[in-house]
């Protein structure tokens, strides 16, 4: 894959995993609503860190 595609996948996979964590917690731990909190926190974190990583890659020369 090209470097640009590898970068895009690295950010996207992390964002999908945090959403999946919240969905699975809701489904399998319905009796424990707080089980969704870690996935929700990491969803927010991935939006912040994803923007930082994208900015870093944008300023870096293509390999």
PDB file of N, CA and C in Angstrom:
ATOM      1  N   UNK A   1       0.826  -1.185   0.000  1.00  0.00           N
ATOM      2  CA  UNK A   1       0.000   0.000   0.000  1.00  0.00           C
ATOM      3  C   UNK A   1       0.871   1.248   0.000  1.00  0.00           C
ATOM      4  N   UNK A   2       0.297   2.278  -0.498  1.00  0.00           N
ATOM      5  CA  UNK A   2       1.014   3.553  -0.489  1.00  0.00           C
ATOM      6  C   UNK A   2       1.068   4.091   0.942  1.00  0.00           C
ATOM      7  N   UNK A   3       2.048   4.940   1.238  1.00  0.00           N
ATOM      8  CA  UNK A   3       2.121   5.521   2.595  1.00  0.00           C
ATOM      9  C   UNK A   3       0.841   6.251   3.005  1.00  0.00           C
ATOM     10  N   UNK A   4       0.208   6.942   2.083  1.00  0.00           N
ATOM     11  CA  UNK A   4      -1.024   7.661   2.411  1.00  0.00           C
ATOM     12  C   UNK A   4      -2.139   6.698   2.836  1.00  0.00           C
ATOM     13  N   UNK A   5      -2.265   5.576   2.151  1.00  0.00           N
ATOM     14  CA  UNK A   5      -3.285   4.581   2.512  1.00  0.00           C
ATOM     15  C   UNK A   5      -2.970   3.945   3.862  1.00  0.00           C
ATOM     16  N   UNK A   6      -1.694   3.663   4.123  1.00  0.00           N
ATOM     17  CA  UNK A   6      -1.309   3.086   5.416  1.00  0.00           C
ATOM     18  C   UNK A   6      -1.653   4.033   6.548  1.00  0.00           C
ATOM     19  N   UNK A   7      -1.408   5.323   6.368  1.00  0.00           N
ATOM     20  CA  UNK A   7      -1.728   6.315   7.398  1.00  0.00           C
ATOM     21  C   UNK A   7      -3.228   6.380   7.644  1.00  0.00           C
ATOM     22  N   UNK A   8      -4.001   6.414   6.574  1.00  0.00           N
ATOM     23  CA  UNK A   8      -5.458   6.496   6.707  1.00  0.00           C
ATOM     24  C   UNK A   8      -6.010   5.282   7.450  1.00  0.00           C
ATOM     25  N   UNK A   9      -5.504   4.118   7.137  1.00  0.00           N
ATOM     26  CA  UNK A   9      -5.958   2.900   7.803  1.00  0.00           C
ATOM     27  C   UNK A   9      -5.587   2.908   9.276  1.00  0.00           C
ATOM     28  N   UNK A  10      -4.399   3.400   9.609  1.00  0.00           N
ATOM     29  CA  UNK A  10      -3.970   3.405  11.011  1.00  0.00           C
ATOM     30  C   UNK A  10      -4.891   4.267  11.866  1.00  0.00           C
ATOM     31  N   UNK A  11      -5.369   5.380  11.356  1.00  0.00           N
ATOM     32  CA  UNK A  11      -6.281   6.244  12.101  1.00  0.00           C
ATOM     33  C   UNK A  11      -7.681   5.630  12.131  1.00  0.00           C
ATOM     34  N   UNK A  12      -8.146   5.146  11.021  1.00  0.00           N
ATOM     35  CA  UNK A  12      -9.509   4.619  10.921  1.00  0.00           C
ATOM     36  C   UNK A  12      -9.718   3.384  11.797  1.00  0.00           C
ATOM     37  N   UNK A  13      -8.771   2.486  11.846  1.00  0.00           N
ATOM     38  CA  UNK A  13      -8.912   1.264  12.643  1.00  0.00           C
ATOM     39  C   UNK A  13      -9.078   1.601  14.123  1.00  0.00           C
ATOM     40  N   UNK A  14      -8.300   2.536  14.624  1.00  0.00           N
ATOM     41  CA  UNK A  14      -8.437   2.938  16.021  1.00  0.00           C
ATOM     42  C   UNK A  14      -9.797   3.521  16.324  1.00  0.00           C
ATOM     43  N   UNK A  15     -10.322   4.327  15.430  1.00  0.00           N
ATOM     44  CA  UNK A  15     -11.636   4.935  15.645  1.00  0.00           C
ATOM     45  C   UNK A  15     -12.736   3.877  15.607  1.00  0.00           C
ATOM     46  N   UNK A  16     -12.637   2.912  14.735  1.00  0.00           N
ATOM     47  CA  UNK A  16     -13.639   1.852  14.660  1.00  0.00           C
ATOM     48  C   UNK A  16     -13.602   0.988  15.914  1.00  0.00           C
ATOM     49  N   UNK A  17     -12.421   0.705  16.434  1.00  0.00           N
ATOM     50  CA  UNK A  17     -12.318  -0.150  17.612  1.00  0.00           C
ATOM     51  C   UNK A  17     -12.975   0.485  18.830  1.00  0.00           C
ATOM     52  N   UNK A  18     -12.854   1.783  19.002  1.00  0.00           N
ATOM     53  CA  UNK A  18     -13.476   2.421  20.159  1.00  0.00           C
ATOM     54  C   UNK A  18     -15.002   2.422  20.029  1.00  0.00           C
ATOM     55  N   UNK A  19     -15.511   2.605  18.837  1.00  0.00           N
ATOM     56  CA  UNK A  19     -16.957   2.514  18.616  1.00  0.00           C
ATOM     57  C   UNK A  19     -17.468   1.103  18.832  1.00  0.00           C
ATOM     58  N   UNK A  20     -16.700   0.140  18.393  1.00  0.00           N
ATOM     59  CA  UNK A  20     -17.061  -1.261  18.588  1.00  0.00           C
ATOM     60  C   UNK A  20     -17.085  -1.606  20.070  1.00  0.00           C
ATOM     61  N   UNK A  21     -16.151  -1.078  20.835  1.00  0.00           N
ATOM     62  CA  UNK A  21     -16.108  -1.339  22.273  1.00  0.00           C
ATOM     63  C   UNK A  21     -17.398  -0.861  22.939  1.00  0.00           C
ATOM     64  N   UNK A  22     -17.850   0.315  22.600  1.00  0.00           N
ATOM     65  CA  UNK A  22     -19.094   0.838  23.179  1.00  0.00           C
ATOM     66  C   UNK A  22     -20.291  -0.012  22.763  1.00  0.00           C
ATOM     67  N   UNK A  23     -20.324  -0.403  21.512  1.00  0.00           N
ATOM     68  CA  UNK A  23     -21.443  -1.226  21.029  1.00  0.00           C
ATOM     69  C   UNK A  23     -21.478  -2.586  21.713  1.00  0.00           C
ATOM     70  N   UNK A  24     -20.331  -3.217  21.831  1.00  0.00           N
ATOM     71  CA  UNK A  24     -20.279  -4.527  22.484  1.00  0.00           C
ATOM     72  C   UNK A  24     -20.608  -4.438  23.967  1.00  0.00           C
ATOM     73  N   UNK A  25     -20.163  -3.384  24.613  1.00  0.00           N
ATOM     74  CA  UNK A  25     -20.484  -3.202  26.034  1.00  0.00           C
ATOM     75  C   UNK A  25     -21.983  -3.027  26.225  1.00  0.00           C
ATOM     76  N   UNK A  26     -22.605  -2.268  25.332  1.00  0.00           N
ATOM     77  CA  UNK A  26     -24.058  -2.078  25.417  1.00  0.00           C
ATOM     78  C   UNK A  26     -24.794  -3.396  25.229  1.00  0.00           C
ATOM     79  N   UNK A  27     -24.341  -4.180  24.289  1.00  0.00           N
ATOM     80  CA  UNK A  27     -24.996  -5.446  23.966  1.00  0.00           C
ATOM     81  C   UNK A  27     -24.789  -6.504  25.048  1.00  0.00           C
ATOM     82  N   UNK A  28     -23.561  -6.680  25.495  1.00  0.00           N
ATOM     83  CA  UNK A  28     -23.235  -7.792  26.392  1.00  0.00           C
ATOM     84  C   UNK A  28     -23.257  -7.447  27.870  1.00  0.00           C
ATOM     85  N   UNK A  29     -23.226  -6.166  28.196  1.00  0.00           N
ATOM     86  CA  UNK A  29     -23.238  -5.756  29.603  1.00  0.00           C
ATOM     87  C   UNK A  29     -24.376  -4.771  29.855  1.00  0.00           C
ATOM     88  N   UNK A  30     -25.560  -5.102  29.370  1.00  0.00           N
ATOM     89  CA  UNK A  30     -26.714  -4.204  29.495  1.00  0.00           C
ATOM     90  C   UNK A  30     -27.041  -3.901  30.956  1.00  0.00           C
ATOM     91  N   UNK A  31     -26.740  -4.828  31.860  1.00  0.00           N
ATOM     92  CA  UNK A  31     -27.014  -4.615  33.288  1.00  0.00           C
ATOM     93  C   UNK A  31     -26.033  -3.623  33.915  1.00  0.00           C
ATOM     94  N   UNK A  32     -24.956  -3.329  33.215  1.00  0.00           N
ATOM     95  CA  UNK A  32     -23.922  -2.438  33.732  1.00  0.00           C
ATOM     96  C   UNK A  32     -23.724  -1.267  32.758  1.00  0.00           C
ATOM     97  N   UNK A  33     -24.557  -0.240  32.833  1.00  0.00           N
ATOM     98  CA  UNK A  33     -24.461   0.861  31.865  1.00  0.00           C
ATOM     99  C   UNK A  33     -23.114   1.576  31.871  1.00  0.00           C
ATOM    100  N   UNK A  34     -22.403   1.543  32.989  1.00  0.00           N
ATOM    101  CA  UNK A  34     -21.095   2.209  33.057  1.00  0.00           C
ATOM    102  C   UNK A  34     -20.029   1.464  32.231  1.00  0.00           C
ATOM    103  N   UNK A  35     -20.339   0.273  31.777  1.00  0.00           N
ATOM    104  CA  UNK A  35     -19.395  -0.487  30.959  1.00  0.00           C
ATOM    105  C   UNK A  35     -19.135   0.194  29.616  1.00  0.00           C
ATOM    106  N   UNK A  36     -20.027   1.056  29.202  1.00  0.00           N
ATOM    107  CA  UNK A  36     -19.843   1.751  27.920  1.00  0.00           C
ATOM    108  C   UNK A  36     -18.931   2.971  28.040  1.00  0.00           C
ATOM    109  N   UNK A  37     -18.659   3.414  29.270  1.00  0.00           N
ATOM    110  CA  UNK A  37     -17.879   4.638  29.479  1.00  0.00           C
ATOM    111  C   UNK A  37     -16.466   4.552  28.890  1.00  0.00           C
ATOM    112  N   UNK A  38     -15.700   3.471  29.130  1.00  0.00           N
ATOM    113  CA  UNK A  38     -14.350   3.432  28.537  1.00  0.00           C
ATOM    114  C   UNK A  38     -14.361   3.578  27.013  1.00  0.00           C
ATOM    115  N   UNK A  39     -15.292   2.902  26.343  1.00  0.00           N
ATOM    116  CA  UNK A  39     -15.383   3.037  24.889  1.00  0.00           C
ATOM    117  C   UNK A  39     -15.731   4.455  24.469  1.00  0.00           C
ATOM    118  N   UNK A  40     -16.614   5.099  25.231  1.00  0.00           N
ATOM    119  CA  UNK A  40     -16.994   6.481  24.920  1.00  0.00           C
ATOM    120  C   UNK A  40     -15.821   7.436  25.123  1.00  0.00           C
ATOM    121  N   UNK A  41     -15.079   7.226  26.197  1.00  0.00           N
ATOM    122  CA  UNK A  41     -13.901   8.076  26.455  1.00  0.00           C
ATOM    123  C   UNK A  41     -12.881   7.911  25.339  1.00  0.00           C
ATOM    124  N   UNK A  42     -12.635   6.674  24.938  1.00  0.00           N
ATOM    125  CA  UNK A  42     -11.654   6.458  23.889  1.00  0.00           C
ATOM    126  C   UNK A  42     -12.155   6.926  22.530  1.00  0.00           C
ATOM    127  N   UNK A  43     -13.472   6.970  22.323  1.00  0.00           N
ATOM    128  CA  UNK A  43     -13.990   7.552  21.081  1.00  0.00           C
ATOM    129  C   UNK A  43     -13.614   9.026  20.993  1.00  0.00           C
ATOM    130  N   UNK A  44     -13.778   9.733  22.108  1.00  0.00           N
ATOM    131  CA  UNK A  44     -13.394  11.148  22.142  1.00  0.00           C
ATOM    132  C   UNK A  44     -11.889  11.278  21.964  1.00  0.00           C
ATOM    133  N   UNK A  45     -11.136  10.440  22.676  1.00  0.00           N
ATOM    134  CA  UNK A  45      -9.676  10.488  22.588  1.00  0.00           C
ATOM    135  C   UNK A  45      -9.204  10.230  21.149  1.00  0.00           C
ATOM    136  N   UNK A  46      -9.832   9.277  20.456  1.00  0.00           N
ATOM    137  CA  UNK A  46      -9.415   8.980  19.090  1.00  0.00           C
ATOM    138  C   UNK A  46      -9.690  10.151  18.149  1.00  0.00           C
ATOM    139  N   UNK A  47     -10.736  10.900  18.411  1.00  0.00           N
ATOM    140  CA  UNK A  47     -10.982  12.091  17.587  1.00  0.00           C
ATOM    141  C   UNK A  47      -9.900  13.140  17.802  1.00  0.00           C
ATOM    142  N   UNK A  48      -9.466  13.295  19.040  1.00  0.00           N
ATOM    143  CA  UNK A  48      -8.409  14.269  19.333  1.00  0.00           C
ATOM    144  C   UNK A  48      -7.063  13.775  18.809  1.00  0.00           C
ATOM    145  N   UNK A  49      -6.695  12.555  19.182  1.00  0.00           N
ATOM    146  CA  UNK A  49      -5.388  12.041  18.768  1.00  0.00           C
ATOM    147  C   UNK A  49      -5.326  11.825  17.256  1.00  0.00           C
ATOM    148  N   UNK A  50      -6.462  11.473  16.638  1.00  0.00           N
ATOM    149  CA  UNK A  50      -6.487  11.309  15.186  1.00  0.00           C
ATOM    150  C   UNK A  50      -6.192  12.616  14.463  1.00  0.00           C
ATOM    151  N   UNK A  51      -6.725  13.706  14.993  1.00  0.00           N
ATOM    152  CA  UNK A  51      -6.444  15.020  14.401  1.00  0.00           C
ATOM    153  C   UNK A  51      -4.977  15.385  14.558  1.00  0.00           C
ATOM    154  N   UNK A  52      -4.404  15.056  15.714  1.00  0.00           N
ATOM    155  CA  UNK A  52      -2.981  15.342  15.943  1.00  0.00           C
ATOM    156  C   UNK A  52      -2.109  14.520  14.998  1.00  0.00           C
ATOM    157  N   UNK A  53      -2.425  13.245  14.863  1.00  0.00           N
ATOM    158  CA  UNK A  53      -1.648  12.371  13.975  1.00  0.00           C
ATOM    159  C   UNK A  53      -1.800  12.825  12.518  1.00  0.00           C
ATOM    160  N   UNK A  54      -3.007  13.179  12.126  1.00  0.00           N
ATOM    161  CA  UNK A  54      -3.220  13.663  10.755  1.00  0.00           C
ATOM    162  C   UNK A  54      -2.408  14.925  10.492  1.00  0.00           C
ATOM    163  N   UNK A  55      -2.362  15.809  11.467  1.00  0.00           N
ATOM    164  CA  UNK A  55      -1.567  17.040  11.324  1.00  0.00           C
ATOM    165  C   UNK A  55      -0.082  16.700  11.191  1.00  0.00           C
ATOM    166  N   UNK A  56       0.375  15.759  12.011  1.00  0.00           N
ATOM    167  CA  UNK A  56       1.771  15.324  11.948  1.00  0.00           C
ATOM    168  C   UNK A  56       2.096  14.764  10.572  1.00  0.00           C
ATOM    169  N   UNK A  57       1.237  13.872  10.063  1.00  0.00           N
ATOM    170  CA  UNK A  57       1.480  13.273   8.752  1.00  0.00           C
ATOM    171  C   UNK A  57       1.403  14.314   7.641  1.00  0.00           C
ATOM    172  N   UNK A  58       0.527  15.294   7.785  1.00  0.00           N
ATOM    173  CA  UNK A  58       0.392  16.332   6.759  1.00  0.00           C
ATOM    174  C   UNK A  58       1.653  17.180   6.647  1.00  0.00           C
ATOM    175  N   UNK A  59       2.321  17.400   7.764  1.00  0.00           N
ATOM    176  CA  UNK A  59       3.544  18.219   7.745  1.00  0.00           C
ATOM    177  C   UNK A  59       4.778  17.426   7.350  1.00  0.00           C
ATOM    178  N   UNK A  60       4.688  16.122   7.430  1.00  0.00           N
ATOM    179  CA  UNK A  60       5.824  15.249   7.133  1.00  0.00           C
ATOM    180  C   UNK A  60       5.907  15.002   5.627  1.00  0.00           C
ATOM    181  N   UNK A  61       7.132  14.865   5.139  1.00  0.00           N
ATOM    182  CA  UNK A  61       7.305  14.561   3.717  1.00  0.00           C
ATOM    183  C   UNK A  61       6.855  13.143   3.439  1.00  0.00           C
ATOM    184  N   UNK A  62       6.305  12.928   2.263  1.00  0.00           N
ATOM    185  CA  UNK A  62       5.883  11.592   1.841  1.00  0.00           C
ATOM    186  C   UNK A  62       7.115  10.718   1.637  1.00  0.00           C
ATOM    187  N   UNK A  63       7.021   9.484   2.106  1.00  0.00           N
ATOM    188  CA  UNK A  63       8.134   8.533   1.954  1.00  0.00           C
ATOM    189  C   UNK A  63       8.033   7.802   0.640  1.00  0.00           C
TER     190      UNK A  63
END
